[in-house]
Amino acid sequence: MRGVLGSTGLTVWILSRAVLLACVFGVVDFPGPDVTADVSVIYRGWYETLRSGSFPVGDVTWQYPPGAGPVLLAPAVLPFLDYAAAFFVLVFLCDGVVQALLGYAGRRPGGSVRGVWVWVVGVPLLGPTAYARYDLMVTAVAVAALVLGAGRPRVLGALAGLGALLKVWPLLLLTGVERGRATRLALGAAAAVAAGVALPLLALPGGWAFLTAQRDRGTEIESLGGLVFHGARYLGWDGRVLLHYGSVEFLGPGVPLVSALALGLAGAALGWLLLWRRRARAWPVEDAAFAAVLLFTTTSRVISPQYMLWLVGLAAMCLCAGASRMGRAAGLVLVATGVTVLEFPVFFAEVTASTPWGVGLLFLRNGLLVAATLYAAGALRRAGAESRAPRTAVGRA
């Protein structure tokens, strides 16, 4: 790692991660609500259920594909630590793995260390939330897919399929795989790995519960659609803000419509990506993955703070590729990540109460995401129109 970052970069990485560990272990008090409760209470409760051979049955907060089960059981490999401590250590190790993978990608011909620095800086910008959710582990699988799958569609597909079993979004990594044989190989590998891992897990009690557990949820207060109701509260809207399905959501008049519009925007994003694939003549794999995840994150009716880790990891991969057009979008994502730690957890009470300060922070963060999304989509369109060889050549078997 030192060979890529230099002594300054290595020092920044060590100090920033030490601060994150100090926060999640309670050595340093971070402003706002305790973000580690999800691990020590919710994850730990799921862990006990999963150990019994069942997924959480009847628990509407369980919203994850079956592959999340083994991840939440993983702290058992460190039996000398309690559950939360073991979880934080494992996330820290995954952070180091991502840094090493990015360093390897940056050293390849045509690569750049800019992406390595994006990860060094981006993770601590999110504050202790980065280590208090399992999204960093999922991001590690996604980065591994892009690094190890360069020129190997089967490897890319297999790791994307594995990542999709943890959280669905890694399937979007296949957006930039070249049409034809490469796409067939990648999709086949993704399906084979997903089926091979998922089928035994789906046979357990509650294995299919994640498909229906969240069908009646509202609109999360941090989402783009949530801004509608933050403003509506000043006009007398009589809905409610509740902890609902594991997140703080708006419930009341107009929420189903706004949620439906968010799904419509996601559908439009999918249609645009399919149209891009049909017209593309070049295949910037990392850029396509980054743009696709940005599109679906920004249009989602839920934008949880930890989702920023996905974007930081993919932005880092783009810049490690060297010839990426996503530099400006990556910069916007980094700024949005820094604003995110202010809206959660530091001033989350202000956001929940829809104060001018809280709404302003949320408007700024979501505005940055919209700007990054539009810029990334435009850059991807221009890159796909170029007549050149694919940068990461996902065309070999």
Protein backbone atom coordinates (compact mmCIF):
# COMPACT_ATOMS: atom_id res chain seq x y z
CA MET A 1 0.00 0.00 0.00
CA ARG A 2 2.86 2.37 0.81
CA GLY A 3 4.28 1.95 -2.71
CA VAL A 4 1.08 3.37 -4.18
CA LEU A 5 0.17 6.00 -1.62
CA GLY A 6 3.61 7.07 -0.43
CA SER A 7 4.36 7.76 3.21
CA THR A 8 1.88 10.68 3.37
CA GLY A 9 -0.99 8.63 1.98
CA LEU A 10 -0.24 5.69 4.23
CA THR A 11 -0.20 7.99 7.24
CA VAL A 12 -3.56 9.48 6.24
CA TRP A 13 -5.04 6.00 5.80
CA ILE A 14 -3.80 4.77 9.17
CA LEU A 15 -4.84 7.87 11.10
CA SER A 16 -8.26 8.12 9.47
CA ARG A 17 -9.05 4.45 10.08
CA ALA A 18 -7.82 4.71 13.66
CA VAL A 19 -10.30 7.54 14.19
CA LEU A 20 -13.13 5.48 12.67
CA LEU A 21 -12.30 2.54 14.92
CA ALA A 22 -12.11 4.83 17.94
CA CYS A 23 -15.60 6.12 17.10
CA VAL A 24 -17.27 2.74 16.65
CA PHE A 25 -15.57 1.29 19.74
CA GLY A 26 -16.81 4.22 21.81
CA VAL A 27 -13.40 5.70 22.57
CA VAL A 28 -14.41 8.93 20.83
CA ASP A 29 -17.95 10.29 20.98
CA PHE A 30 -19.23 11.28 17.57
CA PRO A 31 -22.02 13.89 17.42
CA GLY A 32 -25.56 12.68 16.85
CA PRO A 33 -27.28 9.37 17.55
CA ASP A 34 -25.23 6.23 18.14
CA VAL A 35 -24.77 4.71 14.69
CA THR A 36 -23.39 1.44 16.12
CA ALA A 37 -26.77 0.36 17.53
CA ASP A 38 -27.61 -1.30 14.22
CA VAL A 39 -24.69 -3.67 14.79
CA SER A 40 -24.92 -4.25 18.53
CA VAL A 41 -28.72 -4.58 18.59
CA ILE A 42 -30.24 -5.30 15.16
CA TYR A 43 -27.42 -7.26 13.51
CA ARG A 44 -26.74 -9.12 16.75
CA GLY A 45 -30.41 -10.10 16.99
CA TRP A 46 -30.40 -11.35 13.42
CA TYR A 47 -27.17 -13.21 14.16
CA GLU A 48 -28.85 -15.21 16.93
CA THR A 49 -31.78 -16.05 14.64
CA LEU A 50 -29.51 -17.05 11.77
CA ARG A 51 -27.46 -19.29 14.06
CA SER A 52 -30.63 -21.25 14.73
CA GLY A 53 -30.92 -22.10 11.02
CA SER A 54 -33.62 -19.60 10.07
CA PHE A 55 -33.86 -16.18 8.53
CA PRO A 56 -35.74 -13.55 10.57
CA VAL A 57 -39.36 -14.61 10.09
CA GLY A 58 -42.00 -11.94 10.57
CA ASP A 59 -39.38 -9.20 10.97
CA VAL A 60 -40.32 -6.45 8.50
CA THR A 61 -36.92 -4.79 8.94
CA TRP A 62 -35.26 -7.78 7.26
CA GLN A 63 -34.86 -6.58 3.68
CA TYR A 64 -31.73 -8.31 2.42
CA PRO A 65 -31.10 -11.09 -0.10
CA PRO A 66 -30.12 -14.48 1.37
CA GLY A 67 -26.39 -13.92 0.94
CA ALA A 68 -26.54 -11.34 3.72
CA GLY A 69 -27.05 -14.19 6.18
CA PRO A 70 -23.48 -15.56 6.00
CA VAL A 71 -22.09 -12.01 6.17
CA LEU A 72 -23.97 -11.30 9.39
CA LEU A 73 -22.74 -14.63 10.77
CA ALA A 74 -19.12 -13.83 9.84
CA PRO A 75 -18.18 -12.26 13.23
CA ALA A 76 -18.30 -15.80 14.62
CA VAL A 77 -14.83 -16.33 13.08
CA LEU A 78 -13.49 -14.07 15.85
CA PRO A 79 -14.94 -15.84 18.92
CA PHE A 80 -12.58 -14.03 21.30
CA LEU A 81 -14.44 -10.74 20.57
CA ASP A 82 -18.04 -9.84 21.20
CA TYR A 83 -20.27 -9.59 18.14
CA ALA A 84 -20.02 -5.83 17.55
CA ALA A 85 -16.26 -5.70 18.05
CA ALA A 86 -15.73 -8.64 15.68
CA PHE A 87 -17.96 -6.98 13.09
CA PHE A 88 -16.00 -3.71 13.22
CA VAL A 89 -12.70 -5.56 12.86
CA LEU A 90 -13.97 -7.45 9.82
CA VAL A 91 -15.18 -4.24 8.18
CA PHE A 92 -11.79 -2.66 8.85
CA LEU A 93 -10.07 -5.63 7.17
CA CYS A 94 -12.39 -5.30 4.16
CA ASP A 95 -11.47 -1.61 3.99
CA GLY A 96 -7.82 -2.63 3.73
CA VAL A 97 -8.64 -5.19 1.03
CA VAL A 98 -10.39 -2.53 -1.05
CA GLN A 99 -7.40 -0.22 -0.65
CA ALA A 100 -5.05 -2.99 -1.79
CA LEU A 101 -7.25 -3.84 -4.80
CA LEU A 102 -7.39 -0.20 -5.85
CA GLY A 103 -3.62 0.06 -5.47
CA TYR A 104 -3.21 -2.94 -7.75
CA ALA A 105 -5.59 -1.41 -10.30
CA GLY A 106 -3.79 1.93 -10.14
CA ARG A 107 -0.43 0.30 -10.89
CA ARG A 108 -1.62 -1.41 -14.06
CA PRO A 109 -0.60 0.10 -17.42
CA GLY A 110 -2.60 3.25 -18.00
CA GLY A 111 -3.81 3.28 -14.40
CA SER A 112 -3.78 6.15 -11.93
CA VAL A 113 -3.41 6.54 -8.18
CA ARG A 114 -6.15 9.18 -8.14
CA GLY A 115 -8.69 6.50 -7.42
CA VAL A 116 -6.68 5.19 -4.50
CA TRP A 117 -6.91 8.62 -2.90
CA VAL A 118 -10.67 8.74 -3.51
CA TRP A 119 -11.05 5.72 -1.23
CA VAL A 120 -8.52 6.97 1.32
CA VAL A 121 -10.47 10.20 1.73
CA GLY A 122 -14.02 9.08 0.92
CA VAL A 123 -14.51 6.42 3.59
CA PRO A 124 -13.72 8.63 6.61
CA LEU A 125 -15.83 11.42 5.13
CA LEU A 126 -18.88 9.29 5.95
CA GLY A 127 -17.88 9.10 9.61
CA PRO A 128 -18.46 6.02 11.81
CA THR A 129 -21.43 4.92 9.69
CA ALA A 130 -18.85 3.54 7.24
CA TYR A 131 -17.82 0.88 9.76
CA ALA A 132 -21.23 0.37 11.37
CA ARG A 133 -23.03 -1.15 8.37
CA TYR A 134 -22.14 -4.11 6.16
CA ASP A 135 -22.19 -2.04 2.95
CA LEU A 136 -18.40 -1.68 2.94
CA MET A 137 -18.17 -5.47 2.69
CA VAL A 138 -20.49 -5.43 -0.33
CA THR A 139 -18.43 -2.66 -1.89
CA ALA A 140 -15.32 -4.80 -1.41
CA VAL A 141 -16.91 -7.57 -3.50
CA ALA A 142 -17.89 -5.06 -6.19
CA VAL A 143 -14.41 -3.56 -6.38
CA ALA A 144 -12.91 -7.07 -6.52
CA ALA A 145 -15.25 -7.88 -9.42
CA LEU A 146 -14.07 -4.88 -11.43
CA VAL A 147 -10.38 -5.34 -10.63
CA LEU A 148 -10.13 -9.12 -10.99
CA GLY A 149 -12.74 -9.30 -13.76
CA ALA A 150 -10.89 -6.98 -16.14
CA GLY A 151 -10.74 -8.98 -19.37
CA ARG A 152 -12.44 -11.96 -17.69
CA PRO A 153 -16.23 -11.76 -18.10
CA ARG A 154 -16.77 -15.02 -16.21
CA VAL A 155 -14.89 -13.69 -13.18
CA LEU A 156 -16.68 -10.37 -13.35
CA GLY A 157 -20.04 -12.10 -13.63
CA ALA A 158 -19.33 -14.57 -10.83
CA LEU A 159 -18.32 -11.86 -8.37
CA ALA A 160 -21.18 -9.60 -9.45
CA GLY A 161 -23.58 -12.48 -8.86
CA LEU A 162 -22.08 -13.08 -5.43
CA GLY A 163 -22.36 -9.38 -4.61
CA ALA A 164 -26.00 -9.34 -5.72
CA LEU A 165 -26.76 -11.95 -3.07
CA LEU A 166 -25.48 -9.53 -0.43
CA LYS A 167 -27.27 -6.46 -1.82
CA VAL A 168 -28.81 -6.42 -5.27
CA TRP A 169 -26.93 -3.41 -6.71
CA PRO A 170 -23.67 -5.22 -7.72
CA LEU A 171 -25.58 -6.73 -10.64
CA LEU A 172 -25.33 -3.26 -12.19
CA LEU A 173 -21.60 -3.89 -12.63
CA LEU A 174 -22.55 -5.88 -15.72
CA THR A 175 -23.96 -2.77 -17.42
CA GLY A 176 -20.72 -2.06 -19.25
CA VAL A 177 -19.89 -5.59 -20.39
CA GLU A 178 -19.57 -5.72 -24.16
CA ARG A 179 -22.60 -7.00 -26.04
CA GLY A 180 -22.59 -10.53 -27.39
CA ARG A 181 -20.40 -13.36 -26.13
CA ALA A 182 -18.90 -11.40 -23.22
CA THR A 183 -22.36 -10.53 -21.90
CA ARG A 184 -23.51 -14.14 -22.21
CA LEU A 185 -20.45 -15.37 -20.32
CA ALA A 186 -20.85 -12.78 -17.58
CA LEU A 187 -24.58 -13.34 -17.14
CA GLY A 188 -24.13 -17.11 -17.16
CA ALA A 189 -21.47 -16.95 -14.47
CA ALA A 190 -23.56 -14.54 -12.38
CA ALA A 191 -26.60 -16.81 -12.60
CA ALA A 192 -24.59 -19.94 -11.80
CA VAL A 193 -22.93 -18.44 -8.73
CA ALA A 194 -26.11 -16.79 -7.51
CA ALA A 195 -28.10 -20.00 -7.89
CA GLY A 196 -25.41 -22.17 -6.35
CA VAL A 197 -25.10 -19.99 -3.26
CA ALA A 198 -28.74 -18.93 -2.93
CA LEU A 199 -30.61 -22.20 -3.35
CA PRO A 200 -29.45 -23.82 -0.08
CA LEU A 201 -30.13 -20.55 1.76
CA LEU A 202 -33.57 -20.07 0.25
CA ALA A 203 -34.54 -23.50 1.55
CA LEU A 204 -34.22 -22.21 5.13
CA PRO A 205 -37.29 -20.85 6.94
CA GLY A 206 -37.87 -17.23 5.93
CA GLY A 207 -35.51 -17.47 2.98
CA TRP A 208 -37.94 -15.70 0.66
CA ALA A 209 -39.23 -13.15 3.19
CA PHE A 210 -37.04 -10.33 1.82
CA LEU A 211 -39.13 -10.22 -1.37
CA THR A 212 -42.32 -9.04 0.36
CA ALA A 213 -41.30 -7.68 3.76
CA GLN A 214 -40.98 -4.07 2.57
CA ARG A 215 -43.79 -3.74 0.06
CA ASP A 216 -45.76 -1.24 2.21
CA ARG A 217 -42.91 1.09 3.11
CA GLY A 218 -43.15 4.84 2.61
CA THR A 219 -40.64 7.39 1.38
CA GLU A 220 -37.45 7.78 3.39
CA ILE A 221 -36.90 11.31 4.70
CA GLU A 222 -33.38 11.46 3.20
CA SER A 223 -34.42 10.55 -0.32
CA LEU A 224 -35.01 12.86 -3.25
CA GLY A 225 -38.76 12.30 -2.91
CA GLY A 226 -38.52 13.06 0.78
CA LEU A 227 -37.71 16.69 -0.07
CA VAL A 228 -41.27 17.02 -1.35
CA PHE A 229 -42.69 16.29 2.08
CA HIS A 230 -40.11 18.33 3.95
CA GLY A 231 -41.44 21.29 1.99
CA ALA A 232 -45.06 20.15 2.34
CA ARG A 233 -44.77 20.18 6.14
CA TYR A 234 -44.37 23.97 5.95
CA LEU A 235 -47.64 24.11 3.98
CA GLY A 236 -49.64 22.15 6.54
CA TRP A 237 -49.20 18.60 5.27
CA ASP A 238 -50.69 16.33 7.93
CA GLY A 239 -48.60 13.21 7.40
CA ARG A 240 -46.21 11.66 9.89
CA VAL A 241 -42.52 10.90 10.31
CA LEU A 242 -42.01 7.44 11.79
CA LEU A 243 -39.38 4.77 12.22
CA HIS A 244 -40.84 2.37 9.67
CA TYR A 245 -39.26 -0.74 8.14
CA GLY A 246 -35.95 0.10 9.76
CA SER A 247 -35.66 3.69 8.49
CA VAL A 248 -37.24 7.05 9.25
CA GLU A 249 -39.95 7.60 6.65
CA PHE A 250 -42.76 9.91 5.66
CA LEU A 251 -46.20 8.32 5.84
CA GLY A 252 -49.46 9.97 4.87
CA PRO A 253 -51.24 11.70 1.98
CA GLY A 254 -49.30 11.76 -1.25
CA VAL A 255 -46.59 9.34 -0.14
CA PRO A 256 -47.76 6.45 -2.37
CA LEU A 257 -47.76 8.80 -5.37
CA VAL A 258 -44.24 10.09 -4.71
CA SER A 259 -43.01 6.53 -4.12
CA ALA A 260 -44.58 5.47 -7.42
CA LEU A 261 -42.88 8.37 -9.18
CA ALA A 262 -39.55 7.27 -7.72
CA LEU A 263 -40.12 3.78 -9.12
CA GLY A 264 -41.02 5.37 -12.44
CA LEU A 265 -37.75 7.31 -12.45
CA ALA A 266 -35.86 4.10 -11.70
CA GLY A 267 -37.64 2.46 -14.62
CA ALA A 268 -36.68 5.37 -16.86
CA ALA A 269 -33.07 5.01 -15.72
CA LEU A 270 -33.15 1.33 -16.64
CA GLY A 271 -34.58 2.17 -20.06
CA TRP A 272 -31.85 4.75 -20.66
CA LEU A 273 -29.13 2.24 -19.71
CA LEU A 274 -30.57 -0.35 -22.08
CA LEU A 275 -30.68 2.24 -24.86
CA TRP A 276 -27.07 3.17 -24.12
CA ARG A 277 -26.02 -0.46 -24.36
CA ARG A 278 -27.78 -0.84 -27.69
CA ARG A 279 -26.03 2.20 -29.17
CA ALA A 280 -22.62 1.97 -27.49
CA ARG A 281 -19.54 1.33 -29.61
CA ALA A 282 -17.04 1.38 -26.72
CA TRP A 283 -17.32 -0.28 -23.32
CA PRO A 284 -15.92 1.70 -20.38
CA VAL A 285 -16.84 -0.94 -17.79
CA GLU A 286 -16.04 1.00 -14.62
CA ASP A 287 -17.68 4.19 -15.92
CA ALA A 288 -20.85 2.29 -16.84
CA ALA A 289 -21.04 0.62 -13.42
CA PHE A 290 -20.57 3.94 -11.63
CA ALA A 291 -23.17 5.74 -13.74
CA ALA A 292 -25.68 2.90 -13.36
CA VAL A 293 -25.39 2.76 -9.58
CA LEU A 294 -25.61 6.55 -9.40
CA LEU A 295 -28.81 6.49 -11.46
CA PHE A 296 -30.51 3.91 -9.27
CA THR A 297 -29.29 5.38 -5.99
CA THR A 298 -30.44 8.89 -6.78
CA THR A 299 -33.89 7.82 -7.98
CA SER A 300 -34.50 5.41 -5.10
CA ARG A 301 -37.16 6.14 -2.50
CA VAL A 302 -34.52 5.21 0.07
CA ILE A 303 -31.08 6.88 0.16
CA SER A 304 -29.45 5.67 3.34
CA PRO A 305 -26.12 7.29 4.29
CA GLN A 306 -24.15 4.06 3.85
CA TYR A 307 -25.14 3.95 0.18
CA MET A 308 -22.47 6.58 -0.37
CA LEU A 309 -19.85 3.87 0.16
CA TRP A 310 -21.01 2.14 -3.01
CA LEU A 311 -20.50 5.33 -4.97
CA VAL A 312 -17.14 6.13 -3.40
CA GLY A 313 -15.85 2.64 -4.22
CA LEU A 314 -17.00 2.76 -7.83
CA ALA A 315 -15.75 6.34 -8.26
CA ALA A 316 -12.36 5.17 -7.02
CA MET A 317 -12.37 2.33 -9.55
CA CYS A 318 -13.16 4.73 -12.38
CA LEU A 319 -10.26 6.98 -11.53
CA CYS A 320 -7.89 4.05 -11.06
CA ALA A 321 -8.62 3.16 -14.69
CA GLY A 322 -6.81 6.34 -15.72
CA ALA A 323 -8.75 7.24 -18.89
CA SER A 324 -12.09 7.66 -17.12
CA ARG A 325 -14.40 10.57 -17.89
CA MET A 326 -15.90 10.41 -14.38
CA GLY A 327 -13.50 12.71 -12.55
CA ARG A 328 -16.03 15.51 -12.04
CA ALA A 329 -18.79 13.12 -10.99
CA ALA A 330 -16.38 11.45 -8.56
CA GLY A 331 -15.55 14.84 -7.06
CA LEU A 332 -19.24 15.62 -6.61
CA VAL A 333 -19.76 12.27 -4.89
CA LEU A 334 -16.93 13.01 -2.46
CA VAL A 335 -18.46 16.36 -1.56
CA ALA A 336 -21.89 14.72 -1.20
CA THR A 337 -20.36 12.16 1.15
CA GLY A 338 -18.96 14.94 3.33
CA VAL A 339 -22.40 16.59 3.46
CA THR A 340 -24.01 13.23 4.25
CA VAL A 341 -22.17 12.89 7.55
CA LEU A 342 -23.66 16.25 8.54
CA GLU A 343 -27.24 15.28 7.75
CA PHE A 344 -26.66 11.89 9.42
CA PRO A 345 -25.77 11.51 12.17
CA VAL A 346 -24.60 14.99 13.20
CA PHE A 347 -27.77 16.98 12.48
CA PHE A 348 -30.23 14.14 11.96
CA ALA A 349 -32.61 15.59 14.55
CA GLU A 350 -32.78 18.74 12.41
CA VAL A 351 -33.51 16.68 9.30
CA THR A 352 -36.21 14.69 11.07
CA ALA A 353 -37.85 17.90 12.28
CA SER A 354 -37.61 19.50 8.80
CA THR A 355 -35.88 22.60 10.16
CA PRO A 356 -34.43 25.00 7.58
CA TRP A 357 -30.91 23.84 8.45
CA GLY A 358 -31.79 20.16 8.19
CA VAL A 359 -33.67 20.57 4.93
CA GLY A 360 -30.86 22.74 3.56
CA LEU A 361 -28.29 20.03 4.24
CA LEU A 362 -30.50 17.41 2.63
CA PHE A 363 -31.19 19.63 -0.38
CA LEU A 364 -27.47 20.18 -0.84
CA ARG A 365 -26.58 16.49 -0.55
CA ASN A 366 -29.32 15.36 -2.90
CA GLY A 367 -28.58 18.20 -5.30
CA LEU A 368 -24.96 17.07 -5.47
CA LEU A 369 -26.12 13.51 -6.20
CA VAL A 370 -28.42 14.71 -8.97
CA ALA A 371 -25.60 16.76 -10.48
CA ALA A 372 -23.19 13.81 -10.26
CA THR A 373 -25.78 11.53 -11.86
CA LEU A 374 -26.49 13.86 -14.77
CA TYR A 375 -22.80 14.46 -15.38
CA ALA A 376 -21.98 10.75 -15.18
CA ALA A 377 -24.79 9.86 -17.59
CA GLY A 378 -23.60 12.47 -20.08
CA ALA A 379 -19.99 11.32 -19.78
CA LEU A 380 -21.02 7.70 -20.26
CA ARG A 381 -23.02 8.59 -23.38
CA ARG A 382 -20.02 10.36 -24.87
CA ALA A 383 -17.62 7.55 -23.93
CA GLY A 384 -19.91 4.92 -25.42
CA ALA A 385 -20.01 6.80 -28.70
CA GLU A 386 -16.26 6.57 -29.19
CA SER A 387 -14.87 4.06 -31.67
CA ARG A 388 -12.08 2.58 -29.64
CA ALA A 389 -11.11 -0.66 -27.96
CA PRO A 390 -12.72 -1.26 -24.54
CA ARG A 391 -10.56 0.14 -21.78
CA THR A 392 -10.81 -2.94 -19.60
CA ALA A 393 -11.45 -5.38 -22.46
CA VAL A 394 -14.16 -7.51 -20.91
CA GLY A 395 -14.21 -9.62 -24.00
CA ARG A 396 -12.00 -12.61 -23.22
CA ALA A 397 -13.17 -15.75 -21.58
